Protein backbone atom coordinates (compact mmCIF):
# COMPACT_ATOMS: atom_id res chain seq x y z
CA MET A 1 -31.93 -76.95 32.12
CA LYS A 2 -30.25 -78.31 28.97
CA LYS A 3 -33.46 -77.82 27.01
CA LEU A 4 -33.72 -74.26 28.31
CA ARG A 5 -30.15 -73.49 27.27
CA LYS A 6 -30.81 -74.97 23.86
CA PHE A 7 -33.99 -72.91 23.57
CA LEU A 8 -32.09 -69.71 24.43
CA PHE A 9 -29.07 -70.53 22.24
CA LEU A 10 -30.92 -71.27 19.01
CA PRO A 11 -32.30 -67.73 18.53
CA LEU A 12 -28.79 -66.33 19.02
CA LEU A 13 -27.46 -68.62 16.29
CA MET A 14 -30.26 -67.59 13.97
CA LEU A 15 -29.59 -63.89 14.64
CA LEU A 16 -25.87 -64.37 13.96
CA ALA A 17 -26.62 -66.20 10.71
CA LEU A 18 -28.97 -63.45 9.56
CA THR A 19 -26.40 -60.78 10.43
CA LEU A 20 -23.64 -62.54 8.50
CA SER A 21 -25.99 -63.08 5.59
CA ALA A 22 -26.96 -59.43 5.54
CA CYS A 23 -23.31 -58.36 5.61
CA GLY A 24 -22.50 -60.75 2.80
CA ASN A 25 -25.39 -59.48 0.71
CA LYS A 26 -24.41 -55.89 1.39
CA SER A 27 -20.85 -56.37 0.15
CA SER A 28 -21.72 -58.53 -2.86
CA GLN A 29 -24.73 -56.65 -4.23
CA ASN A 30 -24.48 -54.63 -7.43
CA VAL A 31 -23.56 -51.21 -6.05
CA TYR A 32 -24.53 -49.27 -9.16
CA ARG A 33 -28.04 -50.74 -9.12
CA LYS A 34 -28.32 -49.84 -5.43
CA VAL A 35 -27.22 -46.22 -5.82
CA LYS A 36 -29.41 -45.82 -8.89
CA ALA A 37 -32.44 -47.03 -6.95
CA ASP A 38 -31.57 -44.90 -3.91
CA LYS A 39 -30.66 -41.81 -5.96
CA GLN A 40 -27.74 -41.47 -3.57
CA ILE A 41 -24.02 -42.27 -3.44
CA VAL A 42 -22.11 -42.55 -0.17
CA TRP A 43 -18.56 -41.35 -0.77
CA GLY A 44 -15.57 -42.03 1.46
CA VAL A 45 -13.62 -38.75 1.58
CA ARG A 46 -10.82 -37.00 3.45
CA ALA A 47 -11.65 -34.26 5.94
CA ASP A 48 -8.06 -33.28 6.76
CA THR A 49 -6.54 -32.49 3.37
CA ARG A 50 -6.57 -28.85 2.30
CA LEU A 51 -7.92 -28.20 -1.23
CA PHE A 52 -9.19 -31.80 -1.58
CA GLY A 53 -11.33 -32.36 1.50
CA LEU A 54 -11.10 -30.31 4.68
CA THR A 55 -13.62 -29.63 7.44
CA ASN A 56 -14.57 -25.96 7.64
CA VAL A 57 -14.36 -25.19 11.36
CA LYS A 58 -17.00 -22.46 11.05
CA THR A 59 -19.66 -24.52 9.26
CA GLY A 60 -18.63 -28.05 10.22
CA LYS A 61 -18.93 -29.08 6.56
CA ILE A 62 -16.25 -30.74 4.45
CA GLU A 63 -15.07 -28.61 1.52
CA GLY A 64 -12.66 -29.17 -1.34
CA PHE A 65 -12.09 -30.27 -4.91
CA GLU A 66 -12.97 -33.91 -4.22
CA ILE A 67 -16.16 -32.93 -2.40
CA ASP A 68 -17.31 -30.81 -5.34
CA LEU A 69 -16.28 -33.53 -7.79
CA ALA A 70 -18.25 -36.16 -5.82
CA ARG A 71 -21.38 -34.00 -5.97
CA ALA A 72 -20.92 -33.41 -9.71
CA LEU A 73 -20.36 -37.13 -10.37
CA THR A 74 -23.44 -38.06 -8.34
CA LYS A 75 -25.70 -35.78 -10.38
CA GLN A 76 -24.05 -36.81 -13.65
CA MET A 77 -24.60 -40.50 -12.88
CA LEU A 78 -27.99 -40.43 -11.18
CA GLY A 79 -29.74 -37.17 -12.12
CA LYS A 80 -29.91 -33.61 -10.81
CA ASN A 81 -31.97 -34.57 -7.75
CA ALA A 82 -29.52 -37.25 -6.61
CA LYS A 83 -27.72 -36.80 -3.29
CA ALA A 84 -24.06 -37.19 -2.38
CA ASP A 85 -23.41 -38.28 1.20
CA PHE A 86 -19.98 -38.23 2.81
CA VAL A 87 -18.21 -40.49 5.29
CA THR A 88 -14.83 -39.36 6.62
CA THR A 89 -12.04 -41.84 5.92
CA THR A 90 -8.30 -42.11 6.47
CA ALA A 91 -5.60 -43.99 4.60
CA ASN A 92 -6.11 -46.89 7.01
CA THR A 93 -9.94 -47.00 7.07
CA ARG A 94 -10.99 -46.29 3.47
CA ILE A 95 -10.54 -49.83 2.08
CA PRO A 96 -12.11 -51.61 5.11
CA LEU A 97 -15.12 -49.26 4.95
CA LEU A 98 -15.47 -50.02 1.25
CA LYS A 99 -15.16 -53.78 1.80
CA ASN A 100 -17.77 -53.70 4.57
CA GLY A 101 -20.27 -51.85 2.39
CA ASN A 102 -20.30 -48.74 4.60
CA ILE A 103 -19.45 -46.58 1.58
CA ASP A 104 -20.09 -46.96 -2.14
CA ALA A 105 -16.85 -45.44 -3.44
CA VAL A 106 -13.64 -43.84 -2.21
CA LEU A 107 -12.70 -40.37 -3.47
CA ALA A 108 -9.86 -39.51 -1.10
CA THR A 109 -6.46 -38.70 -2.66
CA MET A 110 -5.95 -42.42 -3.26
CA THR A 111 -2.99 -43.19 -5.52
CA ILE A 112 -3.55 -45.99 -8.02
CA THR A 113 -1.05 -48.78 -7.24
CA PRO A 114 -0.79 -52.45 -8.26
CA GLU A 115 -1.01 -53.50 -4.60
CA ARG A 116 -4.27 -51.61 -4.01
CA ALA A 117 -5.68 -52.83 -7.33
CA LYS A 118 -5.63 -56.34 -5.84
CA GLN A 119 -8.20 -55.22 -3.26
CA VAL A 120 -10.27 -52.62 -5.12
CA THR A 121 -11.28 -51.63 -8.64
CA PHE A 122 -10.09 -48.18 -9.72
CA SER A 123 -11.69 -45.67 -12.05
CA LYS A 124 -9.63 -43.85 -14.64
CA PRO A 125 -7.29 -41.27 -13.03
CA TYR A 126 -9.07 -38.06 -12.03
CA PHE A 127 -6.06 -36.11 -10.76
CA PRO A 128 -2.53 -36.43 -12.22
CA ALA A 129 -0.67 -36.43 -8.92
CA GLY A 130 3.07 -36.88 -8.64
CA SER A 131 5.86 -36.01 -6.25
CA SER A 132 6.93 -32.38 -6.28
CA LEU A 133 8.92 -29.95 -4.12
CA LEU A 134 7.94 -27.12 -1.80
CA VAL A 135 10.64 -24.52 -1.08
CA PRO A 136 10.92 -20.97 0.28
CA ASN A 137 10.31 -18.27 -2.33
CA ASP A 138 14.01 -17.29 -2.31
CA SER A 139 15.29 -20.87 -2.68
CA LYS A 140 17.85 -21.79 -5.35
CA ILE A 141 16.34 -25.27 -5.69
CA LYS A 142 14.74 -25.56 -9.13
CA SER A 143 14.27 -29.32 -9.59
CA VAL A 144 14.71 -32.66 -7.85
CA LYS A 145 18.20 -32.99 -9.36
CA ASP A 146 19.30 -30.08 -7.17
CA LEU A 147 18.69 -32.20 -4.05
CA ASN A 148 21.81 -34.34 -4.45
CA ASN A 149 24.09 -33.89 -1.41
CA LYS A 150 21.34 -31.88 0.32
CA THR A 151 18.70 -32.70 2.94
CA VAL A 152 15.08 -33.01 1.83
CA LEU A 153 12.12 -33.41 4.17
CA ALA A 154 9.37 -36.01 3.79
CA VAL A 155 6.67 -37.84 5.74
CA LYS A 156 7.14 -41.47 6.76
CA GLY A 157 5.36 -44.02 4.63
CA THR A 158 4.81 -41.80 1.59
CA THR A 159 5.86 -42.80 -1.92
CA ALA A 160 7.83 -39.54 -2.16
CA VAL A 161 10.61 -41.04 -0.02
CA ASP A 162 11.39 -43.68 -2.63
CA ASP A 163 10.83 -41.19 -5.46
CA VAL A 164 13.52 -38.87 -4.09
CA HIS A 165 16.03 -41.70 -3.83
CA LYS A 166 15.36 -42.69 -7.44
CA SER A 167 15.67 -39.15 -8.84
CA ALA A 168 18.38 -37.79 -6.53
CA PRO A 169 20.27 -40.80 -5.13
CA LYS A 170 22.70 -38.66 -3.15
CA ALA A 171 19.98 -36.71 -1.35
CA ARG A 172 19.59 -37.14 2.41
CA VAL A 173 15.94 -37.70 3.40
CA LEU A 174 14.81 -36.58 6.84
CA GLN A 175 11.43 -38.16 7.66
CA PHE A 176 8.67 -36.97 9.99
CA ASP A 177 5.41 -38.42 11.31
CA ASP A 178 3.17 -35.81 9.67
CA TYR A 179 3.18 -32.79 7.38
CA GLY A 180 2.90 -30.32 10.24
CA GLN A 181 6.21 -31.52 11.65
CA ALA A 182 7.83 -31.61 8.22
CA MET A 183 6.70 -28.07 7.42
CA SER A 184 7.99 -26.81 10.77
CA ALA A 185 11.35 -28.40 9.92
CA LEU A 186 11.39 -26.63 6.55
CA LYS A 187 10.74 -23.31 8.27
CA ALA A 188 13.59 -24.09 10.67
CA ASN A 189 15.94 -24.76 7.71
CA GLN A 190 16.47 -28.40 8.63
CA GLY A 191 16.15 -29.21 4.94
CA VAL A 192 16.09 -27.35 1.63
CA ALA A 193 12.73 -28.69 0.44
CA LEU A 194 9.63 -30.64 1.46
CA THR A 195 8.46 -33.36 -0.91
CA THR A 196 5.15 -35.16 -1.40
CA ASP A 197 2.31 -35.19 -3.96
CA ASN A 198 1.91 -31.92 -5.87
CA GLY A 199 -1.74 -31.54 -4.84
CA LEU A 200 -0.95 -31.92 -1.14
CA LEU A 201 1.92 -29.44 -1.45
CA ALA A 202 -0.45 -26.97 -3.10
CA GLY A 203 -2.61 -27.07 0.02
CA ILE A 204 0.42 -26.58 2.27
CA ALA A 205 1.59 -23.65 0.11
CA GLN A 206 -1.81 -22.01 0.33
CA GLU A 207 -1.63 -22.19 4.11
CA ASN A 208 1.98 -20.96 4.31
CA PRO A 209 2.69 -17.73 2.40
CA GLY A 210 6.31 -17.38 1.37
CA TYR A 211 6.61 -20.91 -0.03
CA LYS A 212 6.13 -22.23 -3.56
CA LEU A 213 6.18 -25.41 -5.63
CA VAL A 214 9.09 -25.92 -8.01
CA GLY A 215 10.25 -28.45 -10.59
CA GLY A 216 6.84 -29.72 -11.68
CA VAL A 217 6.31 -33.41 -10.84
CA TYR A 218 9.13 -35.95 -10.89
CA SER A 219 7.03 -39.10 -10.51
CA ASP A 220 3.72 -40.43 -11.78
CA ALA A 221 1.20 -41.27 -9.02
CA PRO A 222 -2.31 -40.39 -10.24
CA TYR A 223 -5.34 -40.51 -7.96
CA GLY A 224 -8.25 -42.83 -8.79
CA ILE A 225 -11.74 -43.43 -7.42
CA ALA A 226 -11.96 -46.85 -5.77
CA VAL A 227 -14.94 -49.19 -5.67
CA ASN A 228 -15.10 -52.67 -4.20
CA LYS A 229 -13.51 -55.48 -6.16
CA GLY A 230 -15.95 -56.90 -8.67
CA GLN A 231 -18.03 -53.72 -8.94
CA LYS A 232 -17.07 -53.09 -12.56
CA ASP A 233 -20.53 -51.74 -13.36
CA MET A 234 -20.05 -48.95 -10.82
CA ALA A 235 -16.50 -48.23 -12.02
CA ASP A 236 -17.64 -48.05 -15.65
CA HIS A 237 -20.39 -45.54 -14.83
CA ILE A 238 -17.93 -43.43 -12.82
CA ASP A 239 -15.54 -43.41 -15.80
CA LYS A 240 -18.36 -42.39 -18.11
CA ALA A 241 -19.38 -39.58 -15.78
CA LEU A 242 -15.77 -38.37 -15.49
CA ASP A 243 -15.52 -38.23 -19.29
CA GLU A 244 -18.74 -36.24 -19.45
CA LEU A 245 -17.62 -33.78 -16.76
CA GLU A 246 -14.38 -33.24 -18.63
CA ALA A 247 -16.24 -32.72 -21.92
CA ASN A 248 -18.74 -30.21 -20.51
CA GLY A 249 -16.09 -28.15 -18.71
CA THR A 250 -17.13 -28.97 -15.14
CA TYR A 251 -13.83 -30.68 -14.31
CA ASN A 252 -11.69 -27.72 -15.42
CA ARG A 253 -13.98 -25.29 -13.61
CA LEU A 254 -13.46 -27.18 -10.34
CA ILE A 255 -9.70 -27.41 -10.86
CA ARG A 256 -9.49 -23.64 -11.38
CA LYS A 257 -11.76 -23.00 -8.39
CA TRP A 258 -9.46 -24.84 -5.99
CA PHE A 259 -5.96 -24.69 -7.48
CA ALA A 260 -5.68 -21.41 -9.40
CA GLY A 261 -3.26 -18.95 -7.83
CA ILE A 262 -1.21 -21.48 -5.85
CA PRO A 263 2.45 -20.34 -6.17
CA GLY A 264 4.33 -22.69 -8.49
CA PHE A 265 1.39 -25.06 -9.08
CA SER A 266 0.99 -25.87 -12.77
CA LEU A 267 -2.65 -25.77 -13.86
CA LYS A 268 -1.52 -26.74 -17.35
CA GLY A 269 -0.45 -30.14 -16.12
CA VAL A 270 -3.85 -30.81 -14.50
CA LEU A 271 -6.49 -29.29 -16.78
CA LYS A 272 -8.18 -31.68 -19.20
């Protein structure tokens, strides 16, 4: 019986070793060489963020600025016949998916921070995000300084909460679990403004006529494309492709396609 158990157990150990080895190889391989050979990049994207990446309920496809940018980067890096594939991510899943080798890069409204840079390698900034304000069209709020001694609405866990306290220390911040709740509170006059990244507010403004962005941006929180730590080759080629898309006008064309006409959104501050 002992010999039989040993006979059955050994193949399981070998299978486990092979699995771990394959996972290790997958996460440590040169990603740029892989995507170049495959003529394909798997991008981790958002599917719930208007203007950047949002699932079209009619077609079932994800649409937005980041989706178009991912396709343009893929062709710029690998050739016109290369393919961009998309995996839906969230703020909590994007880094684990990258670490596990399930995706090649993250293009998902990811702010470049020192803490994240310990886990991933970032490209150059591709969108100059920063905290801004959304207010009703008839609001007297013109800038973040006007929020002192007033209530401003924000979402829990966002950098905008700290940004408000730094710029308007006497402001009262009322926090909600998500942007839907925060926007409902703004409509109910529970606060004078909603604050978060300017790009996210642009999407909310597009969906809610009668509201506009004001005051420009009052913090610096640019978005970057993330690749796994140690994949400098991939990051360098992404940077090169971004430079080329800016030089040939593709970047500005995509910015205008998705952000032109948003009340109060400054194209001047985003165009390259």
